[in-house]
C-alpha cells in the first residue's frame, strides 16, 4: 500500500455514491477500478497507490460538480414557460398532447424543470433505439411502485394500467420522435380515451409525421402545440446572456454578443450550452487564461468542425 486514506476525500466519495444512487460497480467504472477496490477504500482497507487513486477521486468529483452545476441551470424563457403551460393543460384535461418544435430551444429544459417542480410526474427521455413498446413500458414502470407486480400472474401493461388509472399522474416523455409506432400505440392504449393517465409527448417536428400516418392516433391526439415560432423573439438574446452569466460569469462582458449570435443559429441554446462547456474546459489551459473571446471563438470552431464532419 502506497499512501494513507484522506478522510475528507473518502467522506466526499461516500457522499457522492449515496447522493447519486450509484452501485459500487458504477462508481468503480467512473474511477477505473473494480467495485471490490472501491469497497475496500471506502471501508478504510485500501491497497495500491492511494495517492494516485485519490487524485482520480478528486478529478471525478470536480467534473461531476461542474456537470451538476451546468445541468441544473433552468431558464424561465418564453419557450420553457410555453411548454410548462402546455404540460399543465394536458395534465388538467387528462388528454394526450404533443408539444414539438425546433431542436435546442428549451423543450428538454422545460421537461426537467416541470418534472422537478411536480414530483408525481413520470418523466423519462427516449434515446435512439429504445423507443419500442417494451422500452416505453419499462420507462413508465420506473415511476411506479412495482413491488407487488407478479409477472407470473399478470402482464406488466395490465399492472401499470391499473396503478395509473384515474391517478391523474402525467406521463411526460422527451425525445418523443424516437418512439416507434408500437411505443406510441402503447401510450394511446394506456391513456384509453381519458380513463388512464394524461400523456405529454415532447420532441422535434418529425414525431408528428409518425402520428399523422395513423388516423386513429391523429384523431385521439387532443393537444398539438408547435412552439417553433418562439425562436423569432428577442428572448433568445436574454436567454443566451443568462446562460453565460450562470455558467461563465467572468466572460460575460467579452462574449455576450458572440453568445447571442450562437443562440440564433441551428441548435440554438443547446449548441450554445455545449460551446460554453467546451470554452470553459479550454480556459483552464494556461495559454488561454483571460482571453475569453478567443477561447469562445475557438470552441465555436471545434463545434463547427464537428458539424461539418457529420455531414
C-alpha atoms as a PDB file:
ATOM      1  CA  UNK A   1       0.000   0.000   0.000  1.00  0.00           C
ATOM      2  CA  UNK A   2       1.352   3.400  -1.009  1.00  0.00           C
ATOM      3  CA  UNK A   3      -0.077   6.321   0.993  1.00  0.00           C
ATOM      4  CA  UNK A   4      -2.855   6.786   3.555  1.00  0.00           C
ATOM      5  CA  UNK A   5      -6.544   7.443   3.107  1.00  0.00           C
ATOM      6  CA  UNK A   6      -7.526  11.102   3.353  1.00  0.00           C
ATOM      7  CA  UNK A   7     -10.705  11.120   5.497  1.00  0.00           C
ATOM      8  CA  UNK A   8     -12.208  14.162   3.754  1.00  0.00           C
ATOM      9  CA  UNK A   9     -11.730  12.551   0.325  1.00  0.00           C
ATOM     10  CA  UNK A  10     -13.223   9.255   1.467  1.00  0.00           C
ATOM     11  CA  UNK A  11     -16.210  11.046   3.015  1.00  0.00           C
ATOM     12  CA  UNK A  12     -16.747  13.043  -0.165  1.00  0.00           C
ATOM     13  CA  UNK A  13     -16.696   9.867  -2.261  1.00  0.00           C
ATOM     14  CA  UNK A  14     -19.148   8.141   0.082  1.00  0.00           C
ATOM     15  CA  UNK A  15     -21.488  11.128  -0.139  1.00  0.00           C
ATOM     16  CA  UNK A  16     -21.225  11.154  -3.938  1.00  0.00           C
ATOM     17  CA  UNK A  17     -22.083   7.442  -4.002  1.00  0.00           C
ATOM     18  CA  UNK A  18     -25.171   7.927  -1.821  1.00  0.00           C
ATOM     19  CA  UNK A  19     -26.444  11.157  -3.378  1.00  0.00           C
ATOM     20  CA  UNK A  20     -26.331   9.773  -6.916  1.00  0.00           C
ATOM     21  CA  UNK A  21     -27.729   6.330  -6.080  1.00  0.00           C
ATOM     22  CA  UNK A  22     -24.747   4.582  -7.677  1.00  0.00           C
ATOM     23  CA  UNK A  23     -23.721   0.986  -7.225  1.00  0.00           C
ATOM     24  CA  UNK A  24     -20.122   0.209  -6.323  1.00  0.00           C
ATOM     25  CA  UNK A  25     -19.671  -1.205  -9.811  1.00  0.00           C
ATOM     26  CA  UNK A  26     -20.902   2.014 -11.431  1.00  0.00           C
ATOM     27  CA  UNK A  27     -18.667   4.080  -9.179  1.00  0.00           C
ATOM     28  CA  UNK A  28     -15.737   1.796  -9.957  1.00  0.00           C
ATOM     29  CA  UNK A  29     -16.346   2.239 -13.675  1.00  0.00           C
ATOM     30  CA  UNK A  30     -16.136   6.013 -13.244  1.00  0.00           C
ATOM     31  CA  UNK A  31     -12.877   5.695 -11.324  1.00  0.00           C
ATOM     32  CA  UNK A  32     -11.311   2.958 -13.447  1.00  0.00           C
ATOM     33  CA  UNK A  33     -11.234   0.461 -10.573  1.00  0.00           C
ATOM     34  CA  UNK A  34     -13.108  -2.682  -9.588  1.00  0.00           C
ATOM     35  CA  UNK A  35     -16.034  -2.491  -7.200  1.00  0.00           C
ATOM     36  CA  UNK A  36     -14.059  -4.513  -4.640  1.00  0.00           C
ATOM     37  CA  UNK A  37     -11.213  -1.986  -4.792  1.00  0.00           C
ATOM     38  CA  UNK A  38     -13.630   0.901  -4.214  1.00  0.00           C
ATOM     39  CA  UNK A  39     -15.309  -1.015  -1.391  1.00  0.00           C
ATOM     40  CA  UNK A  40     -12.005  -1.613   0.370  1.00  0.00           C
ATOM     41  CA  UNK A  41     -11.101   2.057   0.069  1.00  0.00           C
ATOM     42  CA  UNK A  42     -14.447   3.185   1.492  1.00  0.00           C
ATOM     43  CA  UNK A  43     -14.099   0.699   4.354  1.00  0.00           C
ATOM     44  CA  UNK A  44     -10.666   2.011   5.287  1.00  0.00           C
ATOM     45  CA  UNK A  45      -8.789  -1.000   3.902  1.00  0.00           C
ATOM     46  CA  UNK A  46      -7.192   0.410   0.753  1.00  0.00           C
ATOM     47  CA  UNK A  47      -4.471  -1.097  -1.396  1.00  0.00           C
ATOM     48  CA  UNK A  48      -2.066   0.081  -4.065  1.00  0.00           C
ATOM     49  CA  UNK A  49      -1.156   3.710  -4.753  1.00  0.00           C
ATOM     50  CA  UNK A  50      -3.729   5.504  -2.625  1.00  0.00           C
ATOM     51  CA  UNK A  51      -2.485   8.992  -3.513  1.00  0.00           C
ATOM     52  CA  UNK A  52      -2.972   8.275  -7.222  1.00  0.00           C
ATOM     53  CA  UNK A  53      -6.428   6.837  -6.585  1.00  0.00           C
ATOM     54  CA  UNK A  54      -7.450   9.871  -4.561  1.00  0.00           C
ATOM     55  CA  UNK A  55      -6.347  12.133  -7.410  1.00  0.00           C
ATOM     56  CA  UNK A  56      -8.808  10.186  -9.601  1.00  0.00           C
ATOM     57  CA  UNK A  57     -11.499  10.664  -6.971  1.00  0.00           C
ATOM     58  CA  UNK A  58     -10.897  14.417  -6.788  1.00  0.00           C
ATOM     59  CA  UNK A  59     -10.937  14.690 -10.572  1.00  0.00           C
ATOM     60  CA  UNK A  60     -14.184  12.713 -10.828  1.00  0.00           C
ATOM     61  CA  UNK A  61     -15.913  14.731  -8.105  1.00  0.00           C
ATOM     62  CA  UNK A  62     -14.755  18.035  -9.603  1.00  0.00           C
ATOM     63  CA  UNK A  63     -16.081  17.095 -13.036  1.00  0.00           C
ATOM     64  CA  UNK A  64     -19.335  15.865 -11.510  1.00  0.00           C
ATOM     65  CA  UNK A  65     -19.737  19.172  -9.663  1.00  0.00           C
ATOM     66  CA  UNK A  66     -19.265  21.114 -12.903  1.00  0.00           C
ATOM     67  CA  UNK A  67     -21.700  18.885 -14.757  1.00  0.00           C
ATOM     68  CA  UNK A  68     -24.292  19.150 -11.993  1.00  0.00           C
ATOM     69  CA  UNK A  69     -23.993  22.919 -11.916  1.00  0.00           C
ATOM     70  CA  UNK A  70     -24.497  23.103 -15.677  1.00  0.00           C
ATOM     71  CA  UNK A  71     -27.288  20.532 -15.787  1.00  0.00           C
ATOM     72  CA  UNK A  72     -29.205  22.258 -13.014  1.00  0.00           C
ATOM     73  CA  UNK A  73     -29.404  25.591 -14.849  1.00  0.00           C
ATOM     74  CA  UNK A  74     -33.014  26.358 -15.702  1.00  0.00           C
ATOM     75  CA  UNK A  75     -34.173  29.459 -17.523  1.00  0.00           C
ATOM     76  CA  UNK A  76     -37.655  30.915 -17.498  1.00  0.00           C
ATOM     77  CA  UNK A  77     -37.527  31.653 -21.214  1.00  0.00           C
ATOM     78  CA  UNK A  78     -40.605  32.056 -23.362  1.00  0.00           C
ATOM     79  CA  UNK A  79     -40.117  28.581 -24.801  1.00  0.00           C
ATOM     80  CA  UNK A  80     -39.794  26.951 -21.381  1.00  0.00           C
ATOM     81  CA  UNK A  81     -42.786  28.824 -19.991  1.00  0.00           C
ATOM     82  CA  UNK A  82     -44.885  27.936 -23.033  1.00  0.00           C
ATOM     83  CA  UNK A  83     -44.012  24.242 -22.692  1.00  0.00           C
ATOM     84  CA  UNK A  84     -44.910  24.283 -19.000  1.00  0.00           C
ATOM     85  CA  UNK A  85     -48.293  25.840 -19.744  1.00  0.00           C
ATOM     86  CA  UNK A  86     -48.991  23.119 -22.291  1.00  0.00           C
ATOM     87  CA  UNK A  87     -47.977  20.405 -19.821  1.00  0.00           C
ATOM     88  CA  UNK A  88     -50.460  21.878 -17.341  1.00  0.00           C
ATOM     89  CA  UNK A  89     -53.219  21.874 -19.965  1.00  0.00           C
ATOM     90  CA  UNK A  90     -52.597  18.236 -20.859  1.00  0.00           C
ATOM     91  CA  UNK A  91     -52.483  17.223 -17.221  1.00  0.00           C
ATOM     92  CA  UNK A  92     -55.580  19.070 -16.063  1.00  0.00           C
ATOM     93  CA  UNK A  93     -57.678  17.987 -19.038  1.00  0.00           C
ATOM     94  CA  UNK A  94     -56.482  14.352 -18.870  1.00  0.00           C
ATOM     95  CA  UNK A  95     -55.645  14.303 -22.563  1.00  0.00           C
ATOM     96  CA  UNK A  96     -52.957  13.150 -24.969  1.00  0.00           C
ATOM     97  CA  UNK A  97     -50.771  16.046 -26.054  1.00  0.00           C
ATOM     98  CA  UNK A  98     -47.846  16.733 -28.348  1.00  0.00           C
ATOM     99  CA  UNK A  99     -45.516  19.690 -27.899  1.00  0.00           C
ATOM    100  CA  UNK A 100     -42.965  19.982 -30.677  1.00  0.00           C
ATOM    101  CA  UNK A 101     -40.580  22.471 -32.196  1.00  0.00           C
ATOM    102  CA  UNK A 102     -37.057  23.175 -33.379  1.00  0.00           C
ATOM    103  CA  UNK A 103     -34.147  21.471 -31.632  1.00  0.00           C
ATOM    104  CA  UNK A 104     -32.330  23.364 -28.910  1.00  0.00           C
ATOM    105  CA  UNK A 105     -34.909  25.976 -27.906  1.00  0.00           C
ATOM    106  CA  UNK A 106     -35.553  24.621 -24.419  1.00  0.00           C
ATOM    107  CA  UNK A 107     -38.038  21.743 -24.633  1.00  0.00           C
ATOM    108  CA  UNK A 108     -35.813  19.368 -22.667  1.00  0.00           C
ATOM    109  CA  UNK A 109     -35.094  22.078 -20.105  1.00  0.00           C
ATOM    110  CA  UNK A 110     -38.836  22.576 -19.704  1.00  0.00           C
ATOM    111  CA  UNK A 111     -39.357  18.842 -19.174  1.00  0.00           C
ATOM    112  CA  UNK A 112     -36.697  18.588 -16.485  1.00  0.00           C
ATOM    113  CA  UNK A 113     -37.880  21.743 -14.745  1.00  0.00           C
ATOM    114  CA  UNK A 114     -41.526  20.659 -14.789  1.00  0.00           C
ATOM    115  CA  UNK A 115     -40.705  17.166 -13.513  1.00  0.00           C
ATOM    116  CA  UNK A 116     -38.644  18.630 -10.694  1.00  0.00           C
ATOM    117  CA  UNK A 117     -41.408  21.006  -9.640  1.00  0.00           C
ATOM    118  CA  UNK A 118     -44.112  18.325  -9.962  1.00  0.00           C
ATOM    119  CA  UNK A 119     -42.716  15.162  -8.331  1.00  0.00           C
ATOM    120  CA  UNK A 120     -45.728  12.973  -9.191  1.00  0.00           C
ATOM    121  CA  UNK A 121     -44.921  13.355 -12.895  1.00  0.00           C
ATOM    122  CA  UNK A 122     -43.477  10.233 -14.525  1.00  0.00           C
ATOM    123  CA  UNK A 123     -40.716  11.642 -16.706  1.00  0.00           C
ATOM    124  CA  UNK A 124     -38.188   9.910 -18.912  1.00  0.00           C
ATOM    125  CA  UNK A 125     -36.251  10.550 -22.091  1.00  0.00           C
ATOM    126  CA  UNK A 126     -36.227   8.278 -25.129  1.00  0.00           C
ATOM    127  CA  UNK A 127     -32.882   7.588 -26.722  1.00  0.00           C
ATOM    128  CA  UNK A 128     -32.044   6.206 -30.131  1.00  0.00           C
ATOM    129  CA  UNK A 129     -33.034   2.560 -30.326  1.00  0.00           C
ATOM    130  CA  UNK A 130     -35.047   2.394 -27.082  1.00  0.00           C
ATOM    131  CA  UNK A 131     -38.469   3.654 -28.098  1.00  0.00           C
ATOM    132  CA  UNK A 132     -40.398   0.450 -28.756  1.00  0.00           C
ATOM    133  CA  UNK A 133     -43.357  -0.975 -26.801  1.00  0.00           C
ATOM    134  CA  UNK A 134     -41.261  -2.598 -24.092  1.00  0.00           C
ATOM    135  CA  UNK A 135     -38.858   0.317 -23.730  1.00  0.00           C
ATOM    136  CA  UNK A 136     -41.703   2.783 -23.211  1.00  0.00           C
ATOM    137  CA  UNK A 137     -43.487   0.450 -20.796  1.00  0.00           C
ATOM    138  CA  UNK A 138     -40.305  -0.024 -18.774  1.00  0.00           C
ATOM    139  CA  UNK A 139     -39.719   3.733 -18.766  1.00  0.00           C
ATOM    140  CA  UNK A 140     -43.174   4.312 -17.279  1.00  0.00           C
ATOM    141  CA  UNK A 141     -42.670   1.495 -14.773  1.00  0.00           C
ATOM    142  CA  UNK A 142     -39.635   3.268 -13.285  1.00  0.00           C
ATOM    143  CA  UNK A 143     -42.035   5.861 -11.863  1.00  0.00           C
ATOM    144  CA  UNK A 144     -44.358   3.318 -10.230  1.00  0.00           C
ATOM    145  CA  UNK A 145     -44.082   1.128  -7.150  1.00  0.00           C
ATOM    146  CA  UNK A 146     -43.677  -2.275  -8.811  1.00  0.00           C
ATOM    147  CA  UNK A 147     -43.048  -4.327  -5.681  1.00  0.00           C
ATOM    148  CA  UNK A 148     -46.426  -6.076  -5.878  1.00  0.00           C
ATOM    149  CA  UNK A 149     -46.052  -6.907  -9.555  1.00  0.00           C
ATOM    150  CA  UNK A 150     -46.103 -10.670 -10.166  1.00  0.00           C
ATOM    151  CA  UNK A 151     -45.092 -11.421 -13.775  1.00  0.00           C
ATOM    152  CA  UNK A 152     -46.452 -14.958 -13.447  1.00  0.00           C
ATOM    153  CA  UNK A 153     -49.923 -13.736 -12.562  1.00  0.00           C
ATOM    154  CA  UNK A 154     -50.285 -10.561 -14.613  1.00  0.00           C
ATOM    155  CA  UNK A 155     -48.852  -8.802 -17.619  1.00  0.00           C
ATOM    156  CA  UNK A 156     -46.809  -5.704 -16.893  1.00  0.00           C
ATOM    157  CA  UNK A 157     -49.031  -3.475 -19.040  1.00  0.00           C
ATOM    158  CA  UNK A 158     -52.117  -4.523 -17.086  1.00  0.00           C
ATOM    159  CA  UNK A 159     -50.391  -3.876 -13.752  1.00  0.00           C
ATOM    160  CA  UNK A 160     -49.118  -0.449 -14.831  1.00  0.00           C
ATOM    161  CA  UNK A 161     -52.509   0.448 -16.271  1.00  0.00           C
ATOM    162  CA  UNK A 162     -54.290  -0.458 -13.044  1.00  0.00           C
ATOM    163  CA  UNK A 163     -51.865   1.597 -10.972  1.00  0.00           C
ATOM    164  CA  UNK A 164     -52.257   4.664 -13.168  1.00  0.00           C
ATOM    165  CA  UNK A 165     -55.982   4.629 -13.984  1.00  0.00           C
ATOM    166  CA  UNK A 166     -57.680   7.704 -12.511  1.00  0.00           C
ATOM    167  CA  UNK A 167     -54.404   8.691 -10.861  1.00  0.00           C
ATOM    168  CA  UNK A 168     -54.043  11.953 -12.765  1.00  0.00           C
ATOM    169  CA  UNK A 169     -50.286  11.396 -12.904  1.00  0.00           C
ATOM    170  CA  UNK A 170     -48.824  12.938 -16.031  1.00  0.00           C
ATOM    171  CA  UNK A 171     -46.537  10.822 -18.197  1.00  0.00           C
ATOM    172  CA  UNK A 172     -44.012  13.211 -19.749  1.00  0.00           C
ATOM    173  CA  UNK A 173     -41.686  11.876 -22.448  1.00  0.00           C
ATOM    174  CA  UNK A 174     -38.877  13.863 -24.029  1.00  0.00           C
ATOM    175  CA  UNK A 175     -37.343  12.993 -27.425  1.00  0.00           C
ATOM    176  CA  UNK A 176     -40.698  11.551 -28.429  1.00  0.00           C
ATOM    177  CA  UNK A 177     -39.620  11.485 -32.086  1.00  0.00           C
ATOM    178  CA  UNK A 178     -37.637   8.365 -31.170  1.00  0.00           C
ATOM    179  CA  UNK A 179     -40.705   6.414 -30.055  1.00  0.00           C
ATOM    180  CA  UNK A 180     -41.650   3.724 -32.537  1.00  0.00           C
ATOM    181  CA  UNK A 181     -45.181   3.024 -33.730  1.00  0.00           C
ATOM    182  CA  UNK A 182     -45.539   0.205 -31.192  1.00  0.00           C
ATOM    183  CA  UNK A 183     -44.466   2.534 -28.393  1.00  0.00           C
ATOM    184  CA  UNK A 184     -46.961   5.170 -29.495  1.00  0.00           C
ATOM    185  CA  UNK A 185     -49.758   2.600 -29.602  1.00  0.00           C
ATOM    186  CA  UNK A 186     -48.939   1.561 -26.047  1.00  0.00           C
ATOM    187  CA  UNK A 187     -49.264   5.162 -24.886  1.00  0.00           C
ATOM    188  CA  UNK A 188     -52.608   5.653 -26.604  1.00  0.00           C
ATOM    189  CA  UNK A 189     -53.862   2.375 -25.129  1.00  0.00           C
ATOM    190  CA  UNK A 190     -52.665   3.388 -21.682  1.00  0.00           C
ATOM    191  CA  UNK A 191     -54.340   6.785 -21.931  1.00  0.00           C
ATOM    192  CA  UNK A 192     -57.514   4.925 -23.015  1.00  0.00           C
ATOM    193  CA  UNK A 193     -59.534   7.973 -24.091  1.00  0.00           C
ATOM    194  CA  UNK A 194     -59.093   9.718 -20.762  1.00  0.00           C
ATOM    195  CA  UNK A 195     -59.635   6.759 -18.445  1.00  0.00           C
ATOM    196  CA  UNK A 196     -55.894   6.357 -17.982  1.00  0.00           C
ATOM    197  CA  UNK A 197     -53.164   8.877 -17.206  1.00  0.00           C
ATOM    198  CA  UNK A 198     -52.613  12.018 -19.303  1.00  0.00           C
ATOM    199  CA  UNK A 199     -49.622  11.844 -21.625  1.00  0.00           C
ATOM    200  CA  UNK A 200     -47.469  14.692 -22.952  1.00  0.00           C
ATOM    201  CA  UNK A 201     -45.080  13.885 -25.797  1.00  0.00           C
ATOM    202  CA  UNK A 202     -42.272  16.356 -26.376  1.00  0.00           C
ATOM    203  CA  UNK A 203     -39.985  16.300 -29.376  1.00  0.00           C
ATOM    204  CA  UNK A 204     -38.853  17.536 -32.744  1.00  0.00           C
ATOM    205  CA  UNK A 205     -41.337  18.004 -35.619  1.00  0.00           C
ATOM    206  CA  UNK A 206     -40.818  14.528 -37.103  1.00  0.00           C
ATOM    207  CA  UNK A 207     -42.796  12.985 -34.232  1.00  0.00           C
ATOM    208  CA  UNK A 208     -45.923  14.479 -35.785  1.00  0.00           C
ATOM    209  CA  UNK A 209     -45.221  12.643 -39.053  1.00  0.00           C
ATOM    210  CA  UNK A 210     -45.360   9.291 -37.273  1.00  0.00           C
ATOM    211  CA  UNK A 211     -48.698  10.100 -35.680  1.00  0.00           C
ATOM    212  CA  UNK A 212     -50.163  11.511 -38.890  1.00  0.00           C
ATOM    213  CA  UNK A 213     -49.561   8.137 -40.513  1.00  0.00           C
ATOM    214  CA  UNK A 214     -52.192   6.593 -38.250  1.00  0.00           C
ATOM    215  CA  UNK A 215     -55.726   8.015 -38.472  1.00  0.00           C
ATOM    216  CA  UNK A 216     -56.760   6.614 -35.104  1.00  0.00           C
ATOM    217  CA  UNK A 217     -53.813   8.216 -33.322  1.00  0.00           C
ATOM    218  CA  UNK A 218     -54.306  11.509 -35.136  1.00  0.00           C
ATOM    219  CA  UNK A 219     -57.957  11.758 -34.138  1.00  0.00           C
ATOM    220  CA  UNK A 220     -57.175  10.999 -30.493  1.00  0.00           C
ATOM    221  CA  UNK A 221     -54.311  13.466 -30.160  1.00  0.00           C
ATOM    222  CA  UNK A 222     -56.164  16.293 -28.452  1.00  0.00           C
ATOM    223  CA  UNK A 223     -53.456  18.894 -27.800  1.00  0.00           C
ATOM    224  CA  UNK A 224     -50.972  19.787 -30.526  1.00  0.00           C
ATOM    225  CA  UNK A 225     -48.664  22.716 -29.987  1.00  0.00           C
ATOM    226  CA  UNK A 226     -45.888  23.841 -32.337  1.00  0.00           C
ATOM    227  CA  UNK A 227     -43.597  26.182 -30.421  1.00  0.00           C
ATOM    228  CA  UNK A 228     -41.094  26.738 -33.250  1.00  0.00           C
ATOM    229  CA  UNK A 229     -42.180  30.346 -33.768  1.00  0.00           C
ATOM    230  CA  UNK A 230     -40.810  31.391 -30.383  1.00  0.00           C
ATOM    231  CA  UNK A 231     -37.277  31.384 -31.824  1.00  0.00           C
ATOM    232  CA  UNK A 232     -38.182  34.605 -33.647  1.00  0.00           C
ATOM    233  CA  UNK A 233     -38.497  36.560 -30.417  1.00  0.00           C
ATOM    234  CA  UNK A 234     -35.860  38.618 -28.603  1.00  0.00           C
ATOM    235  CA  UNK A 235     -35.976  36.235 -25.663  1.00  0.00           C
ATOM    236  CA  UNK A 236     -33.153  34.177 -27.209  1.00  0.00           C
ATOM    237  CA  UNK A 237     -30.751  37.044 -26.573  1.00  0.00           C
ATOM    238  CA  UNK A 238     -31.866  37.260 -22.959  1.00  0.00           C
ATOM    239  CA  UNK A 239     -31.574  33.508 -22.545  1.00  0.00           C
ATOM    240  CA  UNK A 240     -28.094  33.488 -24.081  1.00  0.00           C
ATOM    241  CA  UNK A 241     -26.967  36.214 -21.707  1.00  0.00           C
ATOM    242  CA  UNK A 242     -28.462  34.379 -18.713  1.00  0.00           C
ATOM    243  CA  UNK A 243     -26.720  31.164 -19.750  1.00  0.00           C
ATOM    244  CA  UNK A 244     -23.317  32.845 -19.943  1.00  0.00           C
ATOM    245  CA  UNK A 245     -23.926  34.648 -16.641  1.00  0.00           C
ATOM    246  CA  UNK A 246     -24.753  31.346 -14.936  1.00  0.00           C
ATOM    247  CA  UNK A 247     -22.034  29.189 -16.477  1.00  0.00           C
ATOM    248  CA  UNK A 248     -19.129  31.565 -17.155  1.00  0.00           C
ATOM    249  CA  UNK A 249     -19.794  34.895 -15.446  1.00  0.00           C
ATOM    250  CA  UNK A 250     -16.222  36.167 -15.772  1.00  0.00           C
ATOM    251  CA  UNK A 251     -16.542  36.064 -19.559  1.00  0.00           C
ATOM    252  CA  UNK A 252     -19.940  37.745 -19.877  1.00  0.00           C
ATOM    253  CA  UNK A 253     -18.712  41.220 -20.811  1.00  0.00           C
ATOM    254  CA  UNK A 254     -16.411  39.838 -23.511  1.00  0.00           C
ATOM    255  CA  UNK A 255     -18.614  37.230 -25.186  1.00  0.00           C
ATOM    256  CA  UNK A 256     -22.218  38.359 -24.696  1.00  0.00           C
ATOM    257  CA  UNK A 257     -22.617  39.473 -28.329  1.00  0.00           C
ATOM    258  CA  UNK A 258     -20.997  36.297 -29.654  1.00  0.00           C
ATOM    259  CA  UNK A 259     -23.182  34.160 -27.395  1.00  0.00           C
ATOM    260  CA  UNK A 260     -26.327  35.816 -28.761  1.00  0.00           C
ATOM    261  CA  UNK A 261     -25.118  35.094 -32.296  1.00  0.00           C
ATOM    262  CA  UNK A 262     -24.554  31.427 -31.433  1.00  0.00           C
ATOM    263  CA  UNK A 263     -28.028  31.142 -29.926  1.00  0.00           C
ATOM    264  CA  UNK A 264     -29.551  32.329 -33.214  1.00  0.00           C
ATOM    265  CA  UNK A 265     -28.015  29.508 -35.229  1.00  0.00           C
ATOM    266  CA  UNK A 266     -29.286  25.943 -35.662  1.00  0.00           C
ATOM    267  CA  UNK A 267     -29.135  24.151 -32.344  1.00  0.00           C
ATOM    268  CA  UNK A 268     -29.946  27.405 -30.527  1.00  0.00           C
ATOM    269  CA  UNK A 269     -29.476  27.268 -26.752  1.00  0.00           C
ATOM    270  CA  UNK A 270     -28.384  23.641 -26.740  1.00  0.00           C
ATOM    271  CA  UNK A 271     -25.455  24.361 -29.048  1.00  0.00           C
ATOM    272  CA  UNK A 272     -24.569  27.466 -27.054  1.00  0.00           C
ATOM    273  CA  UNK A 273     -24.578  25.382 -23.881  1.00  0.00           C
ATOM    274  CA  UNK A 274     -22.064  22.928 -25.337  1.00  0.00           C
ATOM    275  CA  UNK A 275     -19.970  25.725 -26.814  1.00  0.00           C
ATOM    276  CA  UNK A 276     -19.750  27.238 -23.340  1.00  0.00           C
ATOM    277  CA  UNK A 277     -18.839  23.895 -21.767  1.00  0.00           C
ATOM    278  CA  UNK A 278     -16.056  23.439 -24.269  1.00  0.00           C
ATOM    279  CA  UNK A 279     -14.831  27.005 -23.829  1.00  0.00           C
ATOM    280  CA  UNK A 280     -14.752  26.665 -20.043  1.00  0.00           C
ATOM    281  CA  UNK A 281     -12.718  23.469 -20.338  1.00  0.00           C
ATOM    282  CA  UNK A 282     -10.310  25.171 -22.748  1.00  0.00           C
ATOM    283  CA  UNK A 283      -9.974  28.190 -20.443  1.00  0.00           C
ATOM    284  CA  UNK A 284      -8.283  26.004 -17.836  1.00  0.00           C
ATOM    285  CA  UNK A 285      -5.200  25.856 -20.050  1.00  0.00           C
ATOM    286  CA  UNK A 286      -2.603  28.410 -19.016  1.00  0.00           C
ATOM    287  CA  UNK A 287      -2.025  29.699 -22.538  1.00  0.00           C
ATOM    288  CA  UNK A 288      -5.702  30.729 -22.843  1.00  0.00           C
ATOM    289  CA  UNK A 289      -6.080  32.382 -19.446  1.00  0.00           C
ATOM    290  CA  UNK A 290      -8.250  35.503 -19.545  1.00  0.00           C
ATOM    291  CA  UNK A 291      -8.687  35.664 -23.328  1.00  0.00           C
ATOM    292  CA  UNK A 292     -12.385  34.903 -23.217  1.00  0.00           C
ATOM    293  CA  UNK A 293     -13.373  35.990 -26.715  1.00  0.00           C
ATOM    294  CA  UNK A 294     -10.605  33.975 -28.372  1.00  0.00           C
ATOM    295  CA  UNK A 295     -11.461  30.919 -26.300  1.00  0.00           C
ATOM    296  CA  UNK A 296     -15.153  31.171 -27.149  1.00  0.00           C
ATOM    297  CA  UNK A 297     -14.397  31.508 -30.868  1.00  0.00           C
ATOM    298  CA  UNK A 298     -12.060  28.509 -30.699  1.00  0.00           C
ATOM    299  CA  UNK A 299     -14.827  26.485 -29.073  1.00  0.00           C
ATOM    300  CA  UNK A 300     -17.183  27.541 -31.867  1.00  0.00           C
ATOM    301  CA  UNK A 301     -14.636  26.368 -34.452  1.00  0.00           C
ATOM    302  CA  UNK A 302     -14.402  22.990 -32.712  1.00  0.00           C
ATOM    303  CA  UNK A 303     -18.166  22.585 -32.861  1.00  0.00           C
ATOM    304  CA  UNK A 304     -18.401  23.840 -36.455  1.00  0.00           C
ATOM    305  CA  UNK A 305     -15.708  21.370 -37.473  1.00  0.00           C
ATOM    306  CA  UNK A 306     -17.573  18.526 -35.779  1.00  0.00           C
ATOM    307  CA  UNK A 307     -20.795  19.522 -37.579  1.00  0.00           C
ATOM    308  CA  UNK A 308     -19.014  19.563 -40.922  1.00  0.00           C
ATOM    309  CA  UNK A 309     -17.541  16.108 -40.351  1.00  0.00           C
ATOM    310  CA  UNK A 310     -21.028  14.724 -39.706  1.00  0.00           C
ATOM    311  CA  UNK A 311     -22.470  15.901 -42.999  1.00  0.00           C
END
